[in-house]
Protein backbone atom coordinates (compact mmCIF):
# COMPACT_ATOMS: atom_id res chain seq x y z
CA MET A 1 -31.47 45.21 -40.54
CA SER A 2 -32.19 41.53 -39.83
CA GLY A 3 -35.47 40.19 -38.54
CA ARG A 4 -35.97 39.01 -34.73
CA CYS A 5 -34.59 35.61 -33.57
CA LEU A 6 -37.06 32.77 -33.74
CA GLU A 7 -35.66 29.98 -31.22
CA ILE A 8 -36.08 26.44 -31.51
CA GLY A 9 -35.03 24.33 -28.30
CA LEU A 10 -33.98 20.73 -28.74
CA LEU A 11 -34.07 18.53 -25.86
CA LEU A 12 -31.16 16.41 -24.99
CA TYR A 13 -32.94 13.79 -23.15
CA PRO A 14 -31.43 10.42 -22.32
CA SER A 15 -30.63 8.23 -25.48
CA VAL A 16 -31.68 11.10 -27.57
CA GLN A 17 -30.40 10.59 -31.35
CA LEU A 18 -27.63 12.70 -31.80
CA ALA A 19 -27.43 12.53 -35.71
CA ALA A 20 -31.07 14.01 -35.39
CA VAL A 21 -29.97 16.90 -32.87
CA TYR A 22 -26.78 17.98 -35.10
CA GLY A 23 -28.96 17.31 -38.40
CA LEU A 24 -31.65 19.57 -37.34
CA GLY A 25 -29.03 22.13 -36.32
CA ASP A 26 -27.59 21.96 -39.92
CA LEU A 27 -30.86 22.17 -41.67
CA PHE A 28 -31.68 25.29 -39.73
CA ALA A 29 -28.47 26.72 -40.53
CA VAL A 30 -29.08 26.20 -44.22
CA ALA A 31 -32.45 27.77 -43.78
CA ASN A 32 -30.83 30.94 -42.35
CA ARG A 33 -28.21 31.09 -45.16
CA MET A 34 -31.31 30.99 -47.78
CA ALA A 35 -33.05 33.88 -45.73
CA ALA A 36 -29.96 36.02 -45.49
CA SER A 37 -30.05 37.28 -48.95
CA PRO A 38 -30.19 41.16 -49.44
CA GLU A 39 -33.94 41.26 -50.63
CA ARG A 40 -34.95 39.34 -47.56
CA GLU A 41 -33.81 41.93 -45.32
CA GLY A 42 -36.11 41.75 -42.21
CA LEU A 43 -36.74 38.16 -42.35
CA GLY A 44 -36.30 36.46 -38.98
CA ARG A 45 -33.42 34.12 -38.24
CA LEU A 46 -33.68 30.61 -36.63
CA ARG A 47 -31.57 30.38 -33.22
CA VAL A 48 -30.94 26.80 -32.31
CA SER A 49 -30.37 25.92 -28.63
CA HIS A 50 -30.01 22.73 -26.82
CA TRP A 51 -31.61 22.03 -23.33
CA GLN A 52 -30.42 19.41 -20.67
CA ALA A 53 -31.29 18.91 -16.90
CA ASP A 54 -28.29 19.64 -14.75
CA ASP A 55 -27.58 17.70 -11.58
CA ASP A 56 -29.94 19.85 -9.49
CA GLY A 57 -32.88 18.99 -11.87
CA GLN A 58 -33.03 22.03 -13.59
CA VAL A 59 -33.43 22.31 -17.32
CA ARG A 60 -31.04 24.68 -18.73
CA ARG A 61 -29.47 25.96 -22.39
CA VAL A 62 -26.35 23.90 -22.89
CA PHE A 63 -25.74 25.32 -26.46
CA ASP A 64 -26.70 28.42 -28.22
CA SER A 65 -26.13 29.25 -31.73
CA GLN A 66 -26.79 32.97 -30.89
CA PRO A 67 -25.58 33.53 -27.32
CA GLN A 68 -26.05 37.05 -27.44
CA ALA A 69 -29.67 36.92 -27.94
CA ASP A 70 -32.22 36.70 -24.99
CA GLY A 71 -35.74 35.37 -24.80
CA ALA A 72 -37.40 31.89 -24.82
CA PRO A 73 -38.02 29.35 -27.36
CA GLN A 74 -41.01 29.84 -29.79
CA VAL A 75 -40.52 25.88 -30.23
CA VAL A 76 -39.27 22.93 -28.21
CA VAL A 77 -38.51 19.67 -30.06
CA LEU A 78 -38.07 16.27 -28.70
CA PRO A 79 -35.87 14.33 -31.29
CA PRO A 80 -35.85 10.67 -32.04
CA CYS A 81 -34.09 8.20 -29.56
CA LEU A 82 -32.31 4.88 -30.38
CA ASP A 83 -33.58 3.04 -27.30
CA ALA A 84 -37.12 4.03 -27.49
CA ALA A 85 -38.05 2.26 -24.14
CA ALA A 86 -35.47 4.53 -22.26
CA GLY A 87 -37.28 7.82 -23.67
CA TYR A 88 -40.77 6.65 -22.82
CA VAL A 89 -40.89 8.41 -19.76
CA LEU A 90 -38.68 11.46 -18.83
CA HIS A 91 -37.58 12.42 -15.64
CA SER A 92 -40.00 14.85 -13.85
CA ALA A 93 -37.76 17.72 -14.37
CA TYR A 94 -38.12 17.48 -18.16
CA ARG A 95 -41.92 16.75 -17.85
CA ASP A 96 -42.57 19.82 -15.72
CA TRP A 97 -40.56 21.93 -17.91
CA LEU A 98 -42.23 20.86 -21.14
CA ALA A 99 -45.74 21.38 -19.34
CA ARG A 100 -44.77 24.85 -18.27
CA LEU A 101 -43.46 25.90 -21.60
CA HIS A 102 -46.63 24.61 -23.23
CA GLY A 103 -48.91 26.48 -20.95
CA SER A 104 -47.11 29.67 -21.69
CA GLY A 105 -47.84 29.22 -25.32
CA VAL A 106 -44.63 27.52 -26.44
CA THR A 107 -45.29 24.96 -29.36
CA LEU A 108 -44.10 21.43 -28.68
CA ALA A 109 -42.71 18.96 -31.46
CA SER A 110 -41.78 15.64 -31.74
CA VAL A 111 -40.14 12.85 -33.90
CA CYS A 112 -40.56 9.27 -33.57
CA ALA A 113 -40.60 8.06 -29.98
CA GLY A 114 -40.21 11.51 -28.77
CA ALA A 115 -44.25 11.45 -28.68
CA PHE A 116 -44.25 9.05 -25.82
CA PRO A 117 -42.78 11.48 -22.89
CA LEU A 118 -45.23 14.12 -24.44
CA ALA A 119 -48.15 11.69 -23.88
CA ALA A 120 -46.76 10.46 -20.74
CA ALA A 121 -46.61 14.29 -19.43
CA GLY A 122 -50.51 14.14 -20.51
CA LEU A 123 -49.84 16.95 -23.18
CA LEU A 124 -51.38 14.72 -25.96
CA ASP A 125 -54.50 14.05 -24.52
CA GLY A 126 -57.42 14.64 -27.12
CA ARG A 127 -54.92 15.59 -29.65
CA THR A 128 -53.95 14.05 -33.16
CA VAL A 129 -50.46 13.20 -33.46
CA THR A 130 -47.88 10.45 -35.42
CA THR A 131 -45.19 8.62 -34.54
CA HIS A 132 -42.78 5.65 -36.06
CA TRP A 133 -45.27 3.40 -37.87
CA ALA A 134 -44.01 0.40 -35.53
CA LEU A 135 -44.83 2.38 -32.40
CA ALA A 136 -48.18 3.53 -32.97
CA GLY A 137 -49.99 0.71 -31.77
CA GLU A 138 -48.07 0.97 -28.51
CA LEU A 139 -48.72 4.65 -28.34
CA ALA A 140 -52.24 4.24 -28.84
CA GLN A 141 -52.57 1.23 -26.21
CA ARG A 142 -50.82 3.18 -23.72
CA TYR A 143 -52.68 6.49 -24.10
CA PRO A 144 -56.06 5.69 -25.32
CA LYS A 145 -57.00 9.38 -25.11
CA VAL A 146 -54.61 10.11 -28.07
CA ARG A 147 -55.60 9.88 -31.54
CA VAL A 148 -52.70 8.25 -33.52
CA LEU A 149 -52.48 8.48 -37.38
CA PRO A 150 -49.38 6.23 -38.14
CA GLU A 151 -49.63 6.65 -41.91
CA ARG A 152 -48.87 10.39 -41.67
CA MET A 153 -45.25 11.76 -41.84
CA VAL A 154 -45.88 15.01 -40.07
CA VAL A 155 -49.17 15.84 -38.09
CA ASP A 156 -49.33 19.59 -37.60
CA ASP A 157 -51.84 20.31 -34.62
CA GLY A 158 -51.06 23.85 -34.08
CA ASP A 159 -49.25 24.09 -30.77
CA LEU A 160 -48.37 20.39 -30.97
CA VAL A 161 -46.24 19.14 -34.25
CA THR A 162 -45.44 15.25 -34.51
CA ALA A 163 -43.30 13.46 -37.03
CA GLY A 164 -43.00 9.95 -37.86
CA GLY A 165 -39.98 7.55 -38.34
CA LEU A 166 -36.42 8.13 -36.99
CA MET A 167 -35.28 10.16 -40.30
CA ALA A 168 -38.48 12.02 -40.07
CA TRP A 169 -36.59 14.95 -38.55
CA THR A 170 -36.08 16.21 -41.82
CA ASP A 171 -39.60 16.49 -42.44
CA LEU A 172 -40.61 18.01 -39.20
CA GLY A 173 -37.43 20.80 -39.64
CA LEU A 174 -38.99 21.62 -43.10
CA ALA A 175 -42.29 21.98 -41.65
CA LEU A 176 -41.04 24.60 -38.78
CA VAL A 177 -39.26 26.29 -41.46
CA THR A 178 -42.02 26.86 -43.45
CA ARG A 179 -43.88 27.93 -40.22
CA LEU A 180 -41.33 30.36 -38.97
CA LEU A 181 -39.66 31.51 -42.37
CA GLY A 182 -42.11 30.92 -44.97
CA PRO A 183 -42.54 28.03 -47.82
CA THR A 184 -40.18 29.80 -50.13
CA ILE A 185 -37.33 29.32 -47.71
CA ALA A 186 -38.19 25.73 -46.83
CA ALA A 187 -38.55 24.80 -50.59
CA GLU A 188 -34.93 26.40 -51.11
CA THR A 189 -33.64 24.61 -48.01
CA ALA A 190 -35.06 21.34 -49.26
CA ARG A 191 -33.66 21.74 -52.90
CA TYR A 192 -30.13 22.63 -51.23
CA LEU A 193 -30.26 19.43 -49.03
CA VAL A 194 -31.60 17.26 -51.71
CA VAL A 195 -34.43 15.98 -49.55
CA ASP A 196 -38.19 15.85 -50.39
CA LEU A 197 -40.30 18.74 -49.10
CA ASN A 198 -43.53 16.72 -49.67
CA ARG A 199 -43.36 13.24 -47.91
CA GLU A 200 -46.86 12.93 -46.46
CA SER A 201 -47.06 9.34 -45.59
CA GLN A 202 -44.92 6.65 -44.08
CA ARG A 203 -47.25 3.92 -44.97
CA GLN A 204 -44.93 2.50 -47.75
CA PHE A 205 -42.01 2.19 -45.38
CA SER A 206 -44.17 0.19 -42.78
CA SER A 207 -44.60 -3.65 -42.68
CA PHE A 208 -47.54 -5.59 -41.39
CA VAL A 209 -46.38 -7.26 -38.20
CA PRO A 210 -49.35 -9.94 -37.04
CA SER A 211 -49.91 -10.49 -33.39
CA PHE A 212 -49.09 -14.33 -32.60
CA ASP A 213 -48.88 -13.90 -29.03
CA HIS A 214 -52.54 -13.63 -27.90
CA GLY A 215 -53.07 -17.03 -26.52
CA ASP A 216 -56.09 -18.05 -28.74
CA ALA A 217 -54.79 -21.60 -29.97
CA ALA A 218 -57.68 -21.68 -32.78
CA VAL A 219 -56.85 -18.33 -34.28
CA LEU A 220 -53.21 -19.03 -34.02
CA ASN A 221 -53.47 -22.27 -36.14
CA VAL A 222 -55.38 -20.04 -39.01
CA GLN A 223 -52.58 -17.31 -38.73
CA HIS A 224 -49.98 -19.82 -39.31
CA TRP A 225 -52.10 -21.74 -42.06
CA LEU A 226 -52.58 -18.40 -43.90
CA GLN A 227 -48.88 -17.75 -43.87
CA GLY A 228 -48.64 -20.48 -46.49
CA GLN A 229 -50.34 -21.07 -49.83
CA ALA A 230 -53.78 -21.00 -48.26
CA MET A 231 -53.49 -17.11 -48.13
CA ALA A 232 -54.26 -17.05 -51.69
CA ASP A 233 -57.44 -19.07 -51.58
CA ALA A 234 -58.71 -18.37 -48.04
CA SER A 235 -62.55 -17.83 -47.43
CA LEU A 236 -64.30 -16.88 -44.17
CA SER A 237 -65.89 -20.42 -44.24
CA GLY A 238 -62.58 -22.22 -45.03
CA MET A 239 -60.70 -20.21 -42.15
CA ALA A 240 -63.74 -20.84 -39.58
CA GLU A 241 -63.53 -24.62 -40.63
CA ARG A 242 -59.85 -24.58 -39.83
CA ALA A 243 -60.49 -23.15 -36.40
CA GLY A 244 -63.05 -25.68 -35.79
CA LEU A 245 -65.63 -22.98 -34.85
CA GLY A 246 -68.84 -21.62 -36.44
CA GLU A 247 -68.54 -18.48 -38.53
CA ARG A 248 -70.09 -16.04 -36.14
CA THR A 249 -67.83 -17.30 -33.16
CA PHE A 250 -64.60 -17.22 -35.37
CA LEU A 251 -65.32 -13.73 -36.44
CA ARG A 252 -65.45 -12.74 -32.76
CA ARG A 253 -62.32 -14.69 -31.41
CA PHE A 254 -60.26 -13.66 -34.57
CA ARG A 255 -60.79 -9.66 -34.09
CA ALA A 256 -60.35 -10.15 -30.32
CA ALA A 257 -56.88 -11.91 -30.79
CA THR A 258 -55.74 -9.89 -33.66
CA GLY A 259 -57.19 -6.51 -33.68
CA LEU A 260 -58.58 -7.09 -37.32
CA LYS A 261 -61.37 -8.68 -39.12
CA PRO A 262 -60.51 -12.02 -41.17
CA THR A 263 -60.79 -10.16 -44.48
CA GLU A 264 -58.64 -7.13 -43.34
CA TYR A 265 -56.05 -9.73 -42.02
CA CYS A 266 -56.10 -11.55 -45.48
CA GLN A 267 -55.70 -8.28 -47.30
CA GLN A 268 -52.66 -7.22 -45.17
CA VAL A 269 -51.02 -10.88 -45.54
CA ARG A 270 -51.73 -10.71 -49.12
CA VAL A 271 -50.22 -7.20 -49.58
CA THR A 272 -47.11 -8.11 -47.53
CA ARG A 273 -46.50 -11.16 -50.15
CA ALA A 274 -47.21 -8.72 -52.79
CA ARG A 275 -44.56 -6.22 -52.14
CA GLU A 276 -42.09 -9.02 -51.60
CA LEU A 277 -42.74 -10.15 -55.09
CA LEU A 278 -42.66 -6.48 -56.74
CA GLU A 279 -39.40 -6.06 -54.99
CA PHE A 280 -37.56 -9.21 -55.85
CA THR A 281 -39.14 -10.81 -58.89
CA ARG A 282 -40.06 -9.54 -62.69
CA GLN A 283 -43.62 -10.90 -62.52
CA SER A 284 -46.18 -8.20 -64.02
CA ILE A 285 -48.61 -6.80 -61.64
CA ASP A 286 -51.36 -8.81 -62.96
CA GLN A 287 -49.20 -12.24 -62.22
CA VAL A 288 -48.46 -10.73 -58.73
CA ALA A 289 -52.13 -10.16 -58.33
CA TRP A 290 -53.07 -13.67 -59.31
CA GLN A 291 -50.43 -15.15 -57.02
CA VAL A 292 -51.51 -13.42 -53.96
CA GLY A 293 -55.05 -14.38 -54.36
CA TYR A 294 -56.84 -11.54 -56.45
CA ARG A 295 -58.51 -12.68 -59.67
CA ASP A 296 -59.29 -8.90 -60.21
CA ALA A 297 -56.15 -6.93 -60.81
CA GLY A 298 -57.94 -3.58 -60.69
CA ALA A 299 -59.08 -4.74 -56.91
CA PHE A 300 -55.72 -5.56 -56.23
CA ARG A 301 -54.27 -2.24 -57.35
CA LYS A 302 -57.02 -0.59 -55.06
CA VAL A 303 -56.49 -2.70 -52.22
CA PHE A 304 -52.65 -2.25 -52.35
CA THR A 305 -52.63 1.56 -53.09
CA ARG A 306 -54.95 2.04 -49.90
CA LEU A 307 -52.65 -0.24 -47.61
CA VAL A 308 -49.37 1.06 -48.96
CA GLY A 309 -49.83 4.72 -49.93
CA VAL A 310 -48.58 4.00 -53.50
CA ALA A 311 -49.79 2.07 -56.42
CA PRO A 312 -47.95 -1.35 -57.24
CA GLY A 313 -45.95 0.11 -60.26
CA ASP A 314 -44.83 3.09 -58.17
CA TYR A 315 -43.77 0.82 -55.43
CA ARG A 316 -41.58 -1.39 -57.66
CA ARG A 317 -39.94 1.67 -59.19
CA ARG A 318 -38.91 2.96 -55.91
CA PHE A 319 -38.13 -0.23 -54.06
CA GLY A 320 -37.85 -3.12 -56.79
CA SER A 321 -34.30 -4.64 -57.10
CA ALA A 322 -34.99 -7.51 -59.47
CA ALA A 323 -34.33 -4.95 -62.48
CA ARG A 324 -31.46 -3.26 -61.21
């Protein structure tokens, strides 16, 4: 006798990425296949449904993998969307529906920009979430009550589960399989689909994008200077002198303009350059460290690993093209 149906609803809001919608359906179908062996009799089955607002503003099922079943979803997922801005604020029908479901005990989940409509509905206030690394700053700025962890691939906060970049729907799907069917089924599903079950960080996929439109000409002058050869030898006194400011005034204005201390900014610029050298040259790690301004290769390795999430050698093995 088979176990109960565990329904996962996928919300088809405007500009939703259909590849993620159908990909999640396939992932859950594979999980069901893994759970269907005779020795696992009694284990639950995943029911996949699609939900969309009709012309009257009512959110209804428009697809159901097990239409003979009844009940409500245990989980509702907001997949990613290709036009992030279009999905930032959903129609009130969707917001009200999500709030009502969450209030009744349904777990809500999102991938990438799918976190924005949840935040807009006030459902993420005081909670810890993740989103695409490139959208994390905007999410935190728009919704200051939300704690955003852009380095995380998945944040499971109990009744709210959020995932990072566009393709993190695979990570979210496996996290939901683990929760609903157990870690063994999740591991077998990951092996069958040839995907990594243990991706924890999206830092290695992110890139440093400095802010140049802050309006402080003195700070901007230093930023442009750091993009060149000055990056390797820059010091606080040298940067302040370049800006024509005293060190204390420069520190205050630089942080106000860029959101980072000058030392933190220089680390980001240097590591960005180091990533390029690791990807596209055959220089040794010690040579890379020296070229970007680190005389101590050990210190370079520590900074690189902290900011990127993997050691320089591991980064080169994964992303390097010069040796291929």
